[in-house]
Amino acid sequence: MQVLNRREDGYHNIQSIFIELDLHDELEFTPTEKFKLTSEGLAVPIDCSNLISKAYHLLRSQVESVSTEYAIHLKKQIPIGGGLGGGSSNAGATLNALNQLWQLNLTTEELETLGAELGADVPFFIKGGVQLVEGIGDILTPVDPNLLEGHSLLLVVPPIHISTPWAYHALNKTLQPNKRLPKFSPLSKPMKWELFDNDFERVIRKTYPEISNIKEKLQNAGALYAGLSGSGSTVFGVFDNHQKAEALLENFSPYQTFLSSPVFRC
């Protein structure tokens, strides 16, 4: 992930590759007279601060009436604060589902515009797949999913909470004013994994050396690439052999670990 510069509006222009994975939360929609959000699994707030609630009320405000309201039950499995986009993916899933349930017939582009009001990376989770992400996260260009065919990702989640605003603030001190050359243009087979990096790592590893230790361990275990997911704290390794990656799960105890694969969309 490259953070190119800080914009006048306070946001940052980025360039990154986002990959939809088969690691997910579950949302259940039940017709009801009044919207209500409940949850199980990992503890999350279920008030108006939850992105599911925000997505529901945002879309509901776009129409005068609907056939029924919905109660939404969240089964929370994606680690919280790990840089895996759990909250944003739930917002995107809520917009997509309600668009179908209420038969609103909004286009993907219209849903993405609404999603951007909730968070810069929500549009990605409406579209999914593998995307080159630019701007503040709202400019999406599909990437050939065949580039990742047969690959698995080993996710290692240390018990560290890294504040995204803190990470951006720390990174601002090292950003150069000149435009940096993108590294994601040579996306072709075979993938040039050595060209990928994450700008956040150079500021986060100083404060959280545990991140560097996990990354090095993944590299030594044969990962094609290992790095921080977003601003962390999840560290992931890319492997071209699922069985090999699966055999490594025990090596990262007592950290929380997941073995996941990219989701390919038509």
Protein backbone atom coordinates (compact mmCIF):
# COMPACT_ATOMS: atom_id res chain seq x y z
CA MET A 1 0.00 0.00 0.00
CA GLN A 2 1.36 3.39 -1.00
CA VAL A 3 0.23 6.57 0.70
CA LEU A 4 1.02 9.20 -1.91
CA ASN A 5 0.16 12.49 -0.24
CA ARG A 6 -2.15 14.27 2.19
CA ARG A 7 -4.97 16.16 0.51
CA GLU A 8 -6.32 19.58 1.41
CA ASP A 9 -9.52 17.95 2.69
CA GLY A 10 -7.52 15.93 5.22
CA TYR A 11 -7.80 12.62 3.41
CA HIS A 12 -4.86 10.83 1.79
CA ASN A 13 -4.42 9.67 -1.78
CA ILE A 14 -3.42 6.03 -1.81
CA GLN A 15 -2.57 3.29 -4.25
CA SER A 16 -3.11 -0.27 -3.20
CA ILE A 17 -4.39 -3.69 -4.17
CA PHE A 18 -7.52 -4.82 -2.32
CA ILE A 19 -8.40 -8.50 -2.36
CA GLU A 20 -11.75 -9.94 -1.32
CA LEU A 21 -11.22 -13.02 0.86
CA ASP A 22 -13.49 -15.86 1.92
CA LEU A 23 -13.05 -14.84 5.56
CA HIS A 24 -16.32 -13.14 6.44
CA ASP A 25 -18.92 -12.12 8.99
CA GLU A 26 -22.52 -13.25 8.52
CA LEU A 27 -25.59 -11.01 8.30
CA GLU A 28 -29.14 -12.27 8.71
CA PHE A 29 -32.07 -10.09 7.55
CA THR A 30 -35.51 -10.67 9.08
CA PRO A 31 -38.64 -8.67 8.16
CA THR A 32 -39.86 -6.57 11.08
CA GLU A 33 -41.79 -3.40 11.87
CA LYS A 34 -38.71 -1.48 12.99
CA PHE A 35 -34.99 -1.75 12.29
CA LYS A 36 -32.95 -3.43 14.99
CA LEU A 37 -29.34 -4.62 15.07
CA THR A 38 -28.22 -7.56 17.22
CA SER A 39 -24.96 -9.50 17.25
CA GLU A 40 -23.09 -12.53 18.50
CA GLY A 41 -19.47 -13.63 18.40
CA LEU A 42 -16.85 -10.93 18.81
CA ALA A 43 -18.19 -8.00 20.82
CA VAL A 44 -19.01 -4.90 18.77
CA PRO A 45 -21.20 -1.86 19.45
CA ILE A 46 -24.72 -2.34 18.08
CA ASP A 47 -25.84 1.25 18.38
CA CYS A 48 -25.95 3.97 15.72
CA SER A 49 -22.14 4.01 15.53
CA ASN A 50 -22.07 0.59 13.87
CA LEU A 51 -21.55 0.83 10.11
CA ILE A 52 -24.40 -1.62 9.54
CA SER A 53 -26.79 0.80 11.25
CA LYS A 54 -25.33 3.73 9.33
CA ALA A 55 -25.69 1.89 6.03
CA TYR A 56 -29.27 0.90 6.81
CA HIS A 57 -30.39 4.41 7.71
CA LEU A 58 -28.49 5.98 4.80
CA LEU A 59 -30.19 3.78 2.24
CA ARG A 60 -33.58 4.02 3.98
CA SER A 61 -33.36 7.81 3.73
CA GLN A 62 -33.21 7.52 -0.06
CA VAL A 63 -36.76 6.16 -0.41
CA GLU A 64 -40.15 7.31 0.84
CA SER A 65 -41.50 3.90 1.75
CA VAL A 66 -40.50 0.25 1.74
CA SER A 67 -42.44 -3.00 1.88
CA THR A 68 -40.98 -3.87 5.27
CA GLU A 69 -38.24 -2.84 7.63
CA TYR A 70 -35.58 -5.38 8.60
CA ALA A 71 -33.89 -6.59 11.76
CA ILE A 72 -30.26 -7.48 11.10
CA HIS A 73 -28.34 -10.04 13.13
CA LEU A 74 -24.56 -9.98 12.87
CA LYS A 75 -22.40 -13.03 13.47
CA LYS A 76 -19.06 -11.32 14.02
CA GLN A 77 -15.99 -13.37 13.10
CA ILE A 78 -13.54 -10.98 11.40
CA PRO A 79 -11.05 -9.64 14.00
CA ILE A 80 -11.76 -6.09 15.07
CA GLY A 81 -9.16 -3.39 14.44
CA GLY A 82 -6.92 -5.71 12.45
CA GLY A 83 -6.94 -3.85 9.13
CA LEU A 84 -9.15 -6.44 7.44
CA GLY A 85 -12.10 -4.15 6.67
CA GLY A 86 -14.70 -6.05 8.69
CA GLY A 87 -16.86 -3.02 9.44
CA SER A 88 -16.66 -1.67 5.90
CA SER A 89 -17.47 -5.07 4.41
CA ASN A 90 -20.59 -5.28 6.59
CA ALA A 91 -21.65 -1.82 5.41
CA GLY A 92 -21.17 -2.85 1.79
CA ALA A 93 -23.06 -6.11 2.32
CA THR A 94 -25.92 -4.23 3.98
CA LEU A 95 -26.26 -1.82 1.05
CA ASN A 96 -26.14 -4.66 -1.48
CA ALA A 97 -28.67 -6.79 0.41
CA LEU A 98 -31.20 -4.03 1.05
CA ASN A 99 -30.97 -2.89 -2.56
CA GLN A 100 -32.18 -6.37 -3.52
CA LEU A 101 -34.67 -6.89 -0.68
CA TRP A 102 -36.32 -3.51 -1.22
CA GLN A 103 -36.05 -3.90 -5.01
CA LEU A 104 -34.55 -0.44 -5.36
CA ASN A 105 -32.65 -1.34 -8.56
CA LEU A 106 -29.77 0.97 -7.71
CA THR A 107 -26.71 0.43 -9.90
CA THR A 108 -23.39 -0.66 -8.50
CA GLU A 109 -22.06 2.84 -9.17
CA GLU A 110 -24.95 4.41 -7.22
CA LEU A 111 -24.33 2.06 -4.30
CA GLU A 112 -20.62 2.88 -4.38
CA THR A 113 -21.41 6.60 -4.19
CA LEU A 114 -23.56 5.98 -1.11
CA GLY A 115 -20.92 3.70 0.36
CA ALA A 116 -18.26 6.40 0.06
CA GLU A 117 -20.32 8.49 2.49
CA LEU A 118 -19.78 5.78 5.11
CA GLY A 119 -16.08 5.15 4.55
CA ALA A 120 -13.42 5.38 1.88
CA ASP A 121 -13.09 1.61 1.49
CA VAL A 122 -16.82 0.75 1.52
CA PRO A 123 -17.09 1.06 -2.30
CA PHE A 124 -14.59 -1.79 -2.67
CA PHE A 125 -16.74 -4.09 -0.56
CA ILE A 126 -19.75 -3.31 -2.74
CA LYS A 127 -17.86 -4.35 -5.86
CA GLY A 128 -15.50 -6.97 -4.36
CA GLY A 129 -13.06 -9.14 -6.28
CA VAL A 130 -9.51 -7.92 -6.82
CA GLN A 131 -9.17 -4.19 -7.41
CA LEU A 132 -6.47 -1.59 -7.90
CA VAL A 133 -7.58 1.09 -5.42
CA GLU A 134 -6.66 4.76 -5.86
CA GLY A 135 -7.80 8.21 -4.73
CA ILE A 136 -8.98 7.99 -1.12
CA GLY A 137 -10.04 4.42 -1.83
CA ASP A 138 -12.97 5.31 -4.05
CA ILE A 139 -11.37 4.82 -7.49
CA LEU A 140 -11.49 1.14 -8.38
CA THR A 141 -9.95 -0.64 -11.35
CA PRO A 142 -10.48 -4.42 -11.69
CA VAL A 143 -7.36 -6.56 -11.63
CA ASP A 144 -7.21 -9.88 -13.47
CA PRO A 145 -8.12 -12.40 -10.72
CA ASN A 146 -6.21 -15.13 -12.51
CA LEU A 147 -3.04 -13.52 -11.16
CA LEU A 148 -3.96 -14.94 -7.74
CA GLU A 149 -5.38 -18.25 -8.85
CA GLY A 150 -4.13 -21.08 -6.66
CA HIS A 151 -2.85 -18.73 -3.95
CA SER A 152 -3.72 -18.79 -0.25
CA LEU A 153 -3.24 -16.15 2.41
CA LEU A 154 -2.17 -16.92 5.95
CA LEU A 155 -3.42 -14.15 8.26
CA VAL A 156 -1.71 -13.62 11.60
CA VAL A 157 -3.46 -11.28 14.04
CA PRO A 158 -1.41 -10.19 17.06
CA PRO A 159 -3.21 -8.73 20.11
CA ILE A 160 -2.29 -5.19 19.10
CA HIS A 161 -4.66 -2.35 18.29
CA ILE A 162 -3.12 0.15 15.89
CA SER A 163 -5.06 3.38 15.53
CA THR A 164 -5.47 4.28 11.85
CA PRO A 165 -5.48 8.05 12.58
CA TRP A 166 -2.25 7.61 14.59
CA ALA A 167 -0.67 5.63 11.74
CA TYR A 168 -1.51 8.32 9.18
CA HIS A 169 -0.26 11.05 11.52
CA ALA A 170 3.04 9.22 11.98
CA LEU A 171 3.35 8.62 8.25
CA ASN A 172 2.67 12.29 7.42
CA LYS A 173 6.05 13.15 8.94
CA THR A 174 7.83 11.04 6.32
CA LEU A 175 5.74 11.74 3.22
CA GLN A 176 7.58 13.46 0.40
CA PRO A 177 5.80 16.30 -1.41
CA ASN A 178 6.84 15.07 -4.87
CA LYS A 179 4.68 12.58 -6.72
CA ARG A 180 5.99 9.07 -6.27
CA LEU A 181 6.09 6.55 -9.07
CA PRO A 182 3.47 3.81 -8.69
CA LYS A 183 4.65 0.28 -8.13
CA PHE A 184 1.46 -1.50 -9.11
CA SER A 185 1.58 -0.99 -12.87
CA PRO A 186 3.41 -4.26 -13.73
CA LEU A 187 0.51 -6.49 -12.67
CA SER A 188 1.15 -9.47 -14.89
CA LYS A 189 1.95 -13.13 -14.65
CA PRO A 190 4.22 -14.02 -13.04
CA MET A 191 3.49 -11.54 -10.24
CA LYS A 192 6.47 -9.40 -9.27
CA TRP A 193 6.01 -9.75 -5.52
CA GLU A 194 9.28 -7.95 -4.80
CA LEU A 195 7.69 -4.70 -6.02
CA PHE A 196 5.00 -4.71 -3.35
CA ASP A 197 5.35 -3.01 0.00
CA ASN A 198 3.32 -1.08 2.56
CA ASP A 199 4.32 2.46 3.52
CA PHE A 200 2.78 2.05 6.97
CA GLU A 201 5.35 -0.60 7.88
CA ARG A 202 8.23 1.85 8.11
CA VAL A 203 6.52 3.82 10.89
CA ILE A 204 4.62 1.02 12.60
CA ARG A 205 7.50 -1.44 12.99
CA LYS A 206 9.40 1.12 15.10
CA THR A 207 6.60 1.23 17.65
CA TYR A 208 5.44 -2.38 17.28
CA PRO A 209 8.50 -4.59 16.61
CA GLU A 210 6.24 -7.63 16.96
CA ILE A 211 4.90 -6.81 13.49
CA SER A 212 8.37 -7.13 11.97
CA ASN A 213 8.95 -10.41 13.81
CA ILE A 214 5.77 -11.96 12.36
CA LYS A 215 6.60 -10.70 8.86
CA GLU A 216 10.11 -12.16 9.02
CA LYS A 217 8.75 -15.48 10.27
CA LEU A 218 6.33 -15.65 7.32
CA GLN A 219 9.11 -14.82 4.88
CA ASN A 220 11.36 -17.50 6.36
CA ALA A 221 8.48 -19.98 6.04
CA GLY A 222 8.42 -19.46 2.29
CA ALA A 223 5.79 -16.77 1.75
CA LEU A 224 5.93 -15.21 -1.72
CA TYR A 225 5.14 -11.93 -0.01
CA ALA A 226 4.51 -10.96 3.61
CA GLY A 227 3.34 -7.62 4.88
CA LEU A 228 0.96 -5.54 6.93
CA SER A 229 -2.71 -5.38 5.95
CA GLY A 230 -3.54 -1.67 5.71
CA SER A 231 -2.37 0.01 8.89
CA GLY A 232 -2.51 -3.32 10.72
CA SER A 233 -2.31 -5.06 12.96
CA THR A 234 -2.88 -8.15 10.78
CA VAL A 235 0.21 -9.47 8.99
CA PHE A 236 -0.41 -11.74 6.01
CA GLY A 237 1.67 -14.11 3.96
CA VAL A 238 0.89 -15.11 0.36
CA PHE A 239 1.54 -18.76 -0.52
CA ASP A 240 1.15 -20.65 -3.79
CA ASN A 241 0.59 -23.94 -1.94
CA HIS A 242 -2.48 -24.26 0.28
CA GLN A 243 -1.25 -27.33 2.13
CA LYS A 244 2.04 -25.63 2.95
CA ALA A 245 0.25 -22.60 4.34
CA GLU A 246 -2.13 -24.78 6.33
CA ALA A 247 0.77 -26.65 7.91
CA LEU A 248 2.17 -23.35 9.20
CA LEU A 249 -0.89 -22.38 11.24
CA GLU A 250 0.46 -23.98 14.41
CA ASN A 251 3.76 -22.12 14.05
CA PHE A 252 2.10 -18.82 14.92
CA SER A 253 0.46 -19.84 18.18
CA PRO A 254 -0.69 -18.11 20.37
CA TYR A 255 -1.65 -15.51 17.77
CA GLN A 256 -5.08 -15.65 16.17
CA THR A 257 -4.62 -17.10 12.68
CA PHE A 258 -6.79 -17.65 9.61
CA LEU A 259 -6.15 -19.43 6.34
CA SER A 260 -8.05 -17.74 3.55
CA SER A 261 -8.33 -17.62 -0.23
CA PRO A 262 -9.26 -14.87 -2.70
CA VAL A 263 -12.86 -14.65 -3.88
CA PHE A 264 -13.13 -14.56 -7.66
CA ARG A 265 -16.09 -12.79 -9.25
CA CYS A 266 -17.26 -12.88 -12.85
